[in-house]
């Protein structure tokens, strides 16, 4: 959700939403089955878009890594019990 207070122009709001969706699509198969809500909490300008996308990408990568760790722990515990 990107309000007018946080991104003044429709072009900026749409650009941010497009890039956020694309980063999600690239990682969708590796992510856990859950819902994600992205909401800007501060006003941004065109030069801040890269930082916003980098923060979002970092959050997605964190979730991917967390799921991978959980899967490896489950596999190890399943191997011990076998």
PDB file of N, CA and C in Angstrom:
ATOM      1  N   UNK A   1       0.852  -1.162   0.000  1.00  0.00           N
ATOM      2  CA  UNK A   1       0.000   0.000   0.000  1.00  0.00           C
ATOM      3  C   UNK A   1       0.898   1.225   0.000  1.00  0.00           C
ATOM      4  N   UNK A   2       0.665   2.070  -0.934  1.00  0.00           N
ATOM      5  CA  UNK A   2       1.477   3.275  -1.028  1.00  0.00           C
ATOM      6  C   UNK A   2       0.527   4.454  -1.199  1.00  0.00           C
ATOM      7  N   UNK A   3       0.458   5.263  -0.180  1.00  0.00           N
ATOM      8  CA  UNK A   3      -0.440   6.412  -0.216  1.00  0.00           C
ATOM      9  C   UNK A   3       0.221   7.641  -0.820  1.00  0.00           C
ATOM     10  N   UNK A   4      -0.591   8.620  -1.109  1.00  0.00           N
ATOM     11  CA  UNK A   4      -0.092   9.861  -1.696  1.00  0.00           C
ATOM     12  C   UNK A   4       0.831  10.618  -0.751  1.00  0.00           C
ATOM     13  N   UNK A   5       0.661  10.425   0.540  1.00  0.00           N
ATOM     14  CA  UNK A   5       1.527  11.111   1.493  1.00  0.00           C
ATOM     15  C   UNK A   5       2.954  10.567   1.418  1.00  0.00           C
ATOM     16  N   UNK A   6       3.086   9.302   1.043  1.00  0.00           N
ATOM     17  CA  UNK A   6       4.406   8.672   1.012  1.00  0.00           C
ATOM     18  C   UNK A   6       5.074   8.732  -0.347  1.00  0.00           C
ATOM     19  N   UNK A   7       4.309   8.788  -1.412  1.00  0.00           N
ATOM     20  CA  UNK A   7       4.850   8.918  -2.766  1.00  0.00           C
ATOM     21  C   UNK A   7       3.904   9.842  -3.519  1.00  0.00           C
ATOM     22  N   UNK A   8       4.363  11.030  -3.764  1.00  0.00           N
ATOM     23  CA  UNK A   8       3.481  12.088  -4.247  1.00  0.00           C
ATOM     24  C   UNK A   8       2.870  11.829  -5.620  1.00  0.00           C
ATOM     25  N   UNK A   9       3.610  11.244  -6.540  1.00  0.00           N
ATOM     26  CA  UNK A   9       3.086  11.092  -7.897  1.00  0.00           C
ATOM     27  C   UNK A   9       2.644   9.658  -8.166  1.00  0.00           C
ATOM     28  N   UNK A  10       1.679   9.526  -9.043  1.00  0.00           N
ATOM     29  CA  UNK A  10       1.192   8.194  -9.424  1.00  0.00           C
ATOM     30  C   UNK A  10       2.297   7.408 -10.122  1.00  0.00           C
ATOM     31  N   UNK A  11       3.130   8.082 -10.863  1.00  0.00           N
ATOM     32  CA  UNK A  11       4.239   7.415 -11.557  1.00  0.00           C
ATOM     33  C   UNK A  11       5.171   6.757 -10.540  1.00  0.00           C
ATOM     34  N   UNK A  12       5.484   7.460  -9.473  1.00  0.00           N
ATOM     35  CA  UNK A  12       6.361   6.925  -8.429  1.00  0.00           C
ATOM     36  C   UNK A  12       5.694   5.768  -7.689  1.00  0.00           C
ATOM     37  N   UNK A  13       4.429   5.944  -7.321  1.00  0.00           N
ATOM     38  CA  UNK A  13       3.709   4.870  -6.626  1.00  0.00           C
ATOM     39  C   UNK A  13       3.653   3.607  -7.476  1.00  0.00           C
ATOM     40  N   UNK A  14       3.332   3.749  -8.734  1.00  0.00           N
ATOM     41  CA  UNK A  14       3.244   2.586  -9.620  1.00  0.00           C
ATOM     42  C   UNK A  14       4.604   1.943  -9.861  1.00  0.00           C
ATOM     43  N   UNK A  15       5.638   2.743  -9.966  1.00  0.00           N
ATOM     44  CA  UNK A  15       6.984   2.194 -10.167  1.00  0.00           C
ATOM     45  C   UNK A  15       7.418   1.358  -8.970  1.00  0.00           C
ATOM     46  N   UNK A  16       7.149   1.854  -7.781  1.00  0.00           N
ATOM     47  CA  UNK A  16       7.518   1.112  -6.570  1.00  0.00           C
ATOM     48  C   UNK A  16       6.723  -0.182  -6.497  1.00  0.00           C
ATOM     49  N   UNK A  17       5.415  -0.117  -6.736  1.00  0.00           N
ATOM     50  CA  UNK A  17       4.584  -1.316  -6.676  1.00  0.00           C
ATOM     51  C   UNK A  17       5.017  -2.341  -7.720  1.00  0.00           C
ATOM     52  N   UNK A  18       5.340  -1.878  -8.915  1.00  0.00           N
ATOM     53  CA  UNK A  18       5.776  -2.784  -9.979  1.00  0.00           C
ATOM     54  C   UNK A  18       7.060  -3.513  -9.601  1.00  0.00           C
ATOM     55  N   UNK A  19       8.012  -2.767  -9.063  1.00  0.00           N
ATOM     56  CA  UNK A  19       9.302  -3.369  -8.695  1.00  0.00           C
ATOM     57  C   UNK A  19       9.163  -4.308  -7.498  1.00  0.00           C
ATOM     58  N   UNK A  20       8.300  -3.979  -6.555  1.00  0.00           N
ATOM     59  CA  UNK A  20       8.060  -4.859  -5.409  1.00  0.00           C
ATOM     60  C   UNK A  20       7.436  -6.165  -5.884  1.00  0.00           C
ATOM     61  N   UNK A  21       6.432  -6.066  -6.749  1.00  0.00           N
ATOM     62  CA  UNK A  21       5.789  -7.272  -7.282  1.00  0.00           C
ATOM     63  C   UNK A  21       6.782  -8.141  -8.043  1.00  0.00           C
ATOM     64  N   UNK A  22       7.648  -7.517  -8.825  1.00  0.00           N
ATOM     65  CA  UNK A  22       8.626  -8.277  -9.608  1.00  0.00           C
ATOM     66  C   UNK A  22       9.599  -9.022  -8.701  1.00  0.00           C
ATOM     67  N   UNK A  23      10.080  -8.383  -7.643  1.00  0.00           N
ATOM     68  CA  UNK A  23      10.981  -9.064  -6.715  1.00  0.00           C
ATOM     69  C   UNK A  23      10.276 -10.228  -6.027  1.00  0.00           C
ATOM     70  N   UNK A  24       8.998 -10.064  -5.731  1.00  0.00           N
ATOM     71  CA  UNK A  24       8.235 -11.156  -5.133  1.00  0.00           C
ATOM     72  C   UNK A  24       8.099 -12.304  -6.125  1.00  0.00           C
ATOM     73  N   UNK A  25       7.768 -11.993  -7.380  1.00  0.00           N
ATOM     74  CA  UNK A  25       7.603 -13.038  -8.391  1.00  0.00           C
ATOM     75  C   UNK A  25       8.878 -13.838  -8.601  1.00  0.00           C
ATOM     76  N   UNK A  26      10.018 -13.169  -8.556  1.00  0.00           N
ATOM     77  CA  UNK A  26      11.289 -13.849  -8.766  1.00  0.00           C
ATOM     78  C   UNK A  26      11.586 -14.866  -7.671  1.00  0.00           C
ATOM     79  N   UNK A  27      11.071 -14.628  -6.473  1.00  0.00           N
ATOM     80  CA  UNK A  27      11.371 -15.496  -5.328  1.00  0.00           C
ATOM     81  C   UNK A  27      10.173 -16.304  -4.847  1.00  0.00           C
ATOM     82  N   UNK A  28       9.067 -16.214  -5.521  1.00  0.00           N
ATOM     83  CA  UNK A  28       7.814 -16.789  -5.058  1.00  0.00           C
ATOM     84  C   UNK A  28       7.897 -18.287  -4.800  1.00  0.00           C
ATOM     85  N   UNK A  29       8.569 -19.032  -5.641  1.00  0.00           N
ATOM     86  CA  UNK A  29       8.632 -20.485  -5.478  1.00  0.00           C
ATOM     87  C   UNK A  29       9.473 -20.882  -4.260  1.00  0.00           C
ATOM     88  N   UNK A  30      10.420 -20.050  -3.864  1.00  0.00           N
ATOM     89  CA  UNK A  30      11.284 -20.372  -2.732  1.00  0.00           C
ATOM     90  C   UNK A  30      10.718 -19.886  -1.401  1.00  0.00           C
ATOM     91  N   UNK A  31       9.699 -19.064  -1.444  1.00  0.00           N
ATOM     92  CA  UNK A  31       9.128 -18.480  -0.226  1.00  0.00           C
ATOM     93  C   UNK A  31       8.112 -19.418   0.424  1.00  0.00           C
ATOM     94  N   UNK A  32       7.956 -19.289   1.744  1.00  0.00           N
ATOM     95  CA  UNK A  32       6.917 -20.080   2.413  1.00  0.00           C
ATOM     96  C   UNK A  32       5.534 -19.602   1.978  1.00  0.00           C
ATOM     97  N   UNK A  33       4.575 -20.468   2.099  1.00  0.00           N
ATOM     98  CA  UNK A  33       3.206 -20.115   1.729  1.00  0.00           C
ATOM     99  C   UNK A  33       2.629 -19.196   2.794  1.00  0.00           C
ATOM    100  N   UNK A  34       2.669 -17.916   2.538  1.00  0.00           N
ATOM    101  CA  UNK A  34       2.090 -16.930   3.444  1.00  0.00           C
ATOM    102  C   UNK A  34       1.771 -15.678   2.652  1.00  0.00           C
ATOM    103  N   UNK A  35       1.172 -14.727   3.310  1.00  0.00           N
ATOM    104  CA  UNK A  35       0.810 -13.484   2.657  1.00  0.00           C
ATOM    105  C   UNK A  35       1.764 -12.389   3.079  1.00  0.00           C
ATOM    106  N   UNK A  36       2.049 -11.498   2.157  1.00  0.00           N
ATOM    107  CA  UNK A  36       2.955 -10.385   2.425  1.00  0.00           C
ATOM    108  C   UNK A  36       2.224  -9.089   2.158  1.00  0.00           C
ATOM    109  N   UNK A  37       2.408  -8.139   3.066  1.00  0.00           N
ATOM    110  CA  UNK A  37       1.851  -6.802   2.898  1.00  0.00           C
ATOM    111  C   UNK A  37       3.010  -5.827   3.002  1.00  0.00           C
ATOM    112  N   UNK A  38       3.123  -4.973   2.009  1.00  0.00           N
ATOM    113  CA  UNK A  38       4.181  -3.960   2.007  1.00  0.00           C
ATOM    114  C   UNK A  38       3.501  -2.608   2.161  1.00  0.00           C
ATOM    115  N   UNK A  39       3.964  -1.861   3.137  1.00  0.00           N
ATOM    116  CA  UNK A  39       3.388  -0.545   3.377  1.00  0.00           C
ATOM    117  C   UNK A  39       4.513   0.427   3.670  1.00  0.00           C
ATOM    118  N   UNK A  40       4.574   1.502   2.913  1.00  0.00           N
ATOM    119  CA  UNK A  40       5.582   2.525   3.170  1.00  0.00           C
ATOM    120  C   UNK A  40       5.193   3.308   4.413  1.00  0.00           C
ATOM    121  N   UNK A  41       6.185   3.592   5.235  1.00  0.00           N
ATOM    122  CA  UNK A  41       5.895   4.342   6.451  1.00  0.00           C
ATOM    123  C   UNK A  41       6.491   5.751   6.427  1.00  0.00           C
ATOM    124  N   UNK A  42       7.314   6.026   5.436  1.00  0.00           N
ATOM    125  CA  UNK A  42       7.904   7.363   5.303  1.00  0.00           C
ATOM    126  C   UNK A  42       7.760   7.824   3.855  1.00  0.00           C
ATOM    127  N   UNK A  43       7.826   9.124   3.672  1.00  0.00           N
ATOM    128  CA  UNK A  43       7.746   9.679   2.324  1.00  0.00           C
ATOM    129  C   UNK A  43       9.033   9.372   1.557  1.00  0.00           C
ATOM    130  N   UNK A  44       8.877   9.023   0.282  1.00  0.00           N
ATOM    131  CA  UNK A  44      10.038   8.723  -0.547  1.00  0.00           C
ATOM    132  C   UNK A  44      10.025   9.594  -1.803  1.00  0.00           C
ATOM    133  N   UNK A  45      11.186   9.678  -2.417  1.00  0.00           N
ATOM    134  CA  UNK A  45      11.319  10.341  -3.700  1.00  0.00           C
ATOM    135  C   UNK A  45      11.857   9.322  -4.699  1.00  0.00           C
ATOM    136  N   UNK A  46      12.023   9.741  -5.911  1.00  0.00           N
ATOM    137  CA  UNK A  46      12.509   8.846  -6.959  1.00  0.00           C
ATOM    138  C   UNK A  46      13.869   8.258  -6.607  1.00  0.00           C
ATOM    139  N   UNK A  47      14.724   9.035  -5.979  1.00  0.00           N
ATOM    140  CA  UNK A  47      16.058   8.534  -5.636  1.00  0.00           C
ATOM    141  C   UNK A  47      16.042   7.520  -4.495  1.00  0.00           C
ATOM    142  N   UNK A  48      14.947   7.423  -3.750  1.00  0.00           N
ATOM    143  CA  UNK A  48      14.833   6.471  -2.639  1.00  0.00           C
ATOM    144  C   UNK A  48      14.304   5.101  -3.063  1.00  0.00           C
ATOM    145  N   UNK A  49      13.845   4.972  -4.284  1.00  0.00           N
ATOM    146  CA  UNK A  49      13.224   3.723  -4.739  1.00  0.00           C
ATOM    147  C   UNK A  49      14.196   2.560  -4.634  1.00  0.00           C
ATOM    148  N   UNK A  50      15.431   2.761  -5.007  1.00  0.00           N
ATOM    149  CA  UNK A  50      16.430   1.694  -4.929  1.00  0.00           C
ATOM    150  C   UNK A  50      16.605   1.168  -3.512  1.00  0.00           C
ATOM    151  N   UNK A  51      16.619   2.064  -2.548  1.00  0.00           N
ATOM    152  CA  UNK A  51      16.770   1.662  -1.149  1.00  0.00           C
ATOM    153  C   UNK A  51      15.536   0.908  -0.658  1.00  0.00           C
ATOM    154  N   UNK A  52      14.361   1.336  -1.082  1.00  0.00           N
ATOM    155  CA  UNK A  52      13.124   0.653  -0.684  1.00  0.00           C
ATOM    156  C   UNK A  52      13.115  -0.766  -1.251  1.00  0.00           C
ATOM    157  N   UNK A  53      13.480  -0.909  -2.505  1.00  0.00           N
ATOM    158  CA  UNK A  53      13.493  -2.222  -3.144  1.00  0.00           C
ATOM    159  C   UNK A  53      14.575  -3.097  -2.514  1.00  0.00           C
ATOM    160  N   UNK A  54      15.710  -2.527  -2.179  1.00  0.00           N
ATOM    161  CA  UNK A  54      16.770  -3.301  -1.536  1.00  0.00           C
ATOM    162  C   UNK A  54      16.316  -3.813  -0.167  1.00  0.00           C
ATOM    163  N   UNK A  55      15.603  -2.989   0.578  1.00  0.00           N
ATOM    164  CA  UNK A  55      15.099  -3.422   1.884  1.00  0.00           C
ATOM    165  C   UNK A  55      14.076  -4.547   1.721  1.00  0.00           C
ATOM    166  N   UNK A  56      13.187  -4.405   0.751  1.00  0.00           N
ATOM    167  CA  UNK A  56      12.185  -5.431   0.478  1.00  0.00           C
ATOM    168  C   UNK A  56      12.854  -6.735   0.033  1.00  0.00           C
ATOM    169  N   UNK A  57      13.841  -6.639  -0.839  1.00  0.00           N
ATOM    170  CA  UNK A  57      14.560  -7.816  -1.305  1.00  0.00           C
ATOM    171  C   UNK A  57      15.270  -8.501  -0.144  1.00  0.00           C
ATOM    172  N   UNK A  58      15.852  -7.735   0.748  1.00  0.00           N
ATOM    173  CA  UNK A  58      16.500  -8.295   1.930  1.00  0.00           C
ATOM    174  C   UNK A  58      15.513  -9.046   2.808  1.00  0.00           C
ATOM    175  N   UNK A  59      14.316  -8.502   2.968  1.00  0.00           N
ATOM    176  CA  UNK A  59      13.293  -9.175   3.769  1.00  0.00           C
ATOM    177  C   UNK A  59      12.865 -10.490   3.117  1.00  0.00           C
ATOM    178  N   UNK A  60      12.724 -10.482   1.795  1.00  0.00           N
ATOM    179  CA  UNK A  60      12.365 -11.714   1.090  1.00  0.00           C
ATOM    180  C   UNK A  60      13.469 -12.758   1.214  1.00  0.00           C
ATOM    181  N   UNK A  61      14.712 -12.331   1.048  1.00  0.00           N
ATOM    182  CA  UNK A  61      15.835 -13.263   1.163  1.00  0.00           C
ATOM    183  C   UNK A  61      15.923 -13.849   2.566  1.00  0.00           C
ATOM    184  N   UNK A  62      15.609 -13.040   3.565  1.00  0.00           N
ATOM    185  CA  UNK A  62      15.595 -13.519   4.950  1.00  0.00           C
ATOM    186  C   UNK A  62      14.570 -14.635   5.105  1.00  0.00           C
ATOM    187  N   UNK A  63      13.376 -14.453   4.537  1.00  0.00           N
ATOM    188  CA  UNK A  63      12.345 -15.483   4.622  1.00  0.00           C
ATOM    189  C   UNK A  63      12.741 -16.743   3.863  1.00  0.00           C
ATOM    190  N   UNK A  64      13.392 -16.578   2.714  1.00  0.00           N
ATOM    191  CA  UNK A  64      13.863 -17.727   1.937  1.00  0.00           C
ATOM    192  C   UNK A  64      14.894 -18.505   2.754  1.00  0.00           C
ATOM    193  N   UNK A  65      15.828 -17.809   3.371  1.00  0.00           N
ATOM    194  CA  UNK A  65      16.861 -18.467   4.169  1.00  0.00           C
ATOM    195  C   UNK A  65      16.255 -19.159   5.385  1.00  0.00           C
ATOM    196  N   UNK A  66      15.285 -18.522   6.015  1.00  0.00           N
ATOM    197  CA  UNK A  66      14.635 -19.107   7.185  1.00  0.00           C
ATOM    198  C   UNK A  66      13.903 -20.398   6.801  1.00  0.00           C
ATOM    199  N   UNK A  67      13.237 -20.400   5.657  1.00  0.00           N
ATOM    200  CA  UNK A  67      12.548 -21.603   5.203  1.00  0.00           C
ATOM    201  C   UNK A  67      13.552 -22.705   4.879  1.00  0.00           C
ATOM    202  N   UNK A  68      14.670 -22.340   4.263  1.00  0.00           N
ATOM    203  CA  UNK A  68      15.699 -23.333   3.931  1.00  0.00           C
ATOM    204  C   UNK A  68      16.279 -23.953   5.203  1.00  0.00           C
ATOM    205  N   UNK A  69      16.515 -23.137   6.232  1.00  0.00           N
ATOM    206  CA  UNK A  69      17.016 -23.663   7.496  1.00  0.00           C
ATOM    207  C   UNK A  69      16.010 -24.616   8.130  1.00  0.00           C
ATOM    208  N   UNK A  70      14.752 -24.248   8.089  1.00  0.00           N
ATOM    209  CA  UNK A  70      13.705 -25.092   8.673  1.00  0.00           C
ATOM    210  C   UNK A  70      13.615 -26.422   7.934  1.00  0.00           C
ATOM    211  N   UNK A  71      13.743 -26.386   6.617  1.00  0.00           N
ATOM    212  CA  UNK A  71      13.696 -27.621   5.834  1.00  0.00           C
ATOM    213  C   UNK A  71      14.908 -28.518   6.139  1.00  0.00           C
ATOM    214  N   UNK A  72      16.080 -27.899   6.295  1.00  0.00           N
ATOM    215  CA  UNK A  72      17.272 -28.700   6.559  1.00  0.00           C
ATOM    216  C   UNK A  72      17.217 -29.316   7.955  1.00  0.00           C
ATOM    217  N   UNK A  73      16.691 -28.593   8.925  1.00  0.00           N
ATOM    218  CA  UNK A  73      16.536 -29.132  10.276  1.00  0.00           C
ATOM    219  C   UNK A  73      15.541 -30.289  10.252  1.00  0.00           C
ATOM    220  N   UNK A  74      14.465 -30.131   9.513  1.00  0.00           N
ATOM    221  CA  UNK A  74      13.467 -31.204   9.407  1.00  0.00           C
ATOM    222  C   UNK A  74      14.063 -32.432   8.735  1.00  0.00           C
ATOM    223  N   UNK A  75      14.868 -32.211   7.708  1.00  0.00           N
ATOM    224  CA  UNK A  75      15.501 -33.337   7.006  1.00  0.00           C
ATOM    225  C   UNK A  75      16.490 -34.051   7.907  1.00  0.00           C
ATOM    226  N   UNK A  76      17.243 -33.289   8.680  1.00  0.00           N
ATOM    227  CA  UNK A  76      18.237 -33.896   9.595  1.00  0.00           C
ATOM    228  C   UNK A  76      17.502 -34.686  10.678  1.00  0.00           C
ATOM    229  N   UNK A  77      16.459 -34.120  11.240  1.00  0.00           N
ATOM    230  CA  UNK A  77      15.735 -34.830  12.300  1.00  0.00           C
ATOM    231  C   UNK A  77      15.011 -36.055  11.739  1.00  0.00           C
ATOM    232  N   UNK A  78      14.560 -35.994  10.509  1.00  0.00           N
ATOM    233  CA  UNK A  78      13.925 -37.156   9.887  1.00  0.00           C
ATOM    234  C   UNK A  78      14.955 -38.251   9.631  1.00  0.00           C
ATOM    235  N   UNK A  79      16.180 -37.851   9.279  1.00  0.00           N
ATOM    236  CA  UNK A  79      17.253 -38.822   9.051  1.00  0.00           C
ATOM    237  C   UNK A  79      17.707 -39.492  10.331  1.00  0.00           C
ATOM    238  N   UNK A  80      17.684 -38.746  11.424  1.00  0.00           N
ATOM    239  CA  UNK A  80      18.073 -39.308  12.725  1.00  0.00           C
ATOM    240  C   UNK A  80      17.029 -40.297  13.193  1.00  0.00           C
ATOM    241  N   UNK A  81      15.764 -40.000  12.953  1.00  0.00           N
ATOM    242  CA  UNK A  81      14.698 -40.868  13.396  1.00  0.00           C
ATOM    243  C   UNK A  81      14.536 -42.106  12.521  1.00  0.00           C
ATOM    244  N   UNK A  82      15.135 -42.121  11.351  1.00  0.00           N
ATOM    245  CA  UNK A  82      14.951 -43.257  10.430  1.00  0.00           C
ATOM    246  C   UNK A  82      15.763 -44.448  10.788  1.00  0.00           C
TER     247      UNK A  82
END
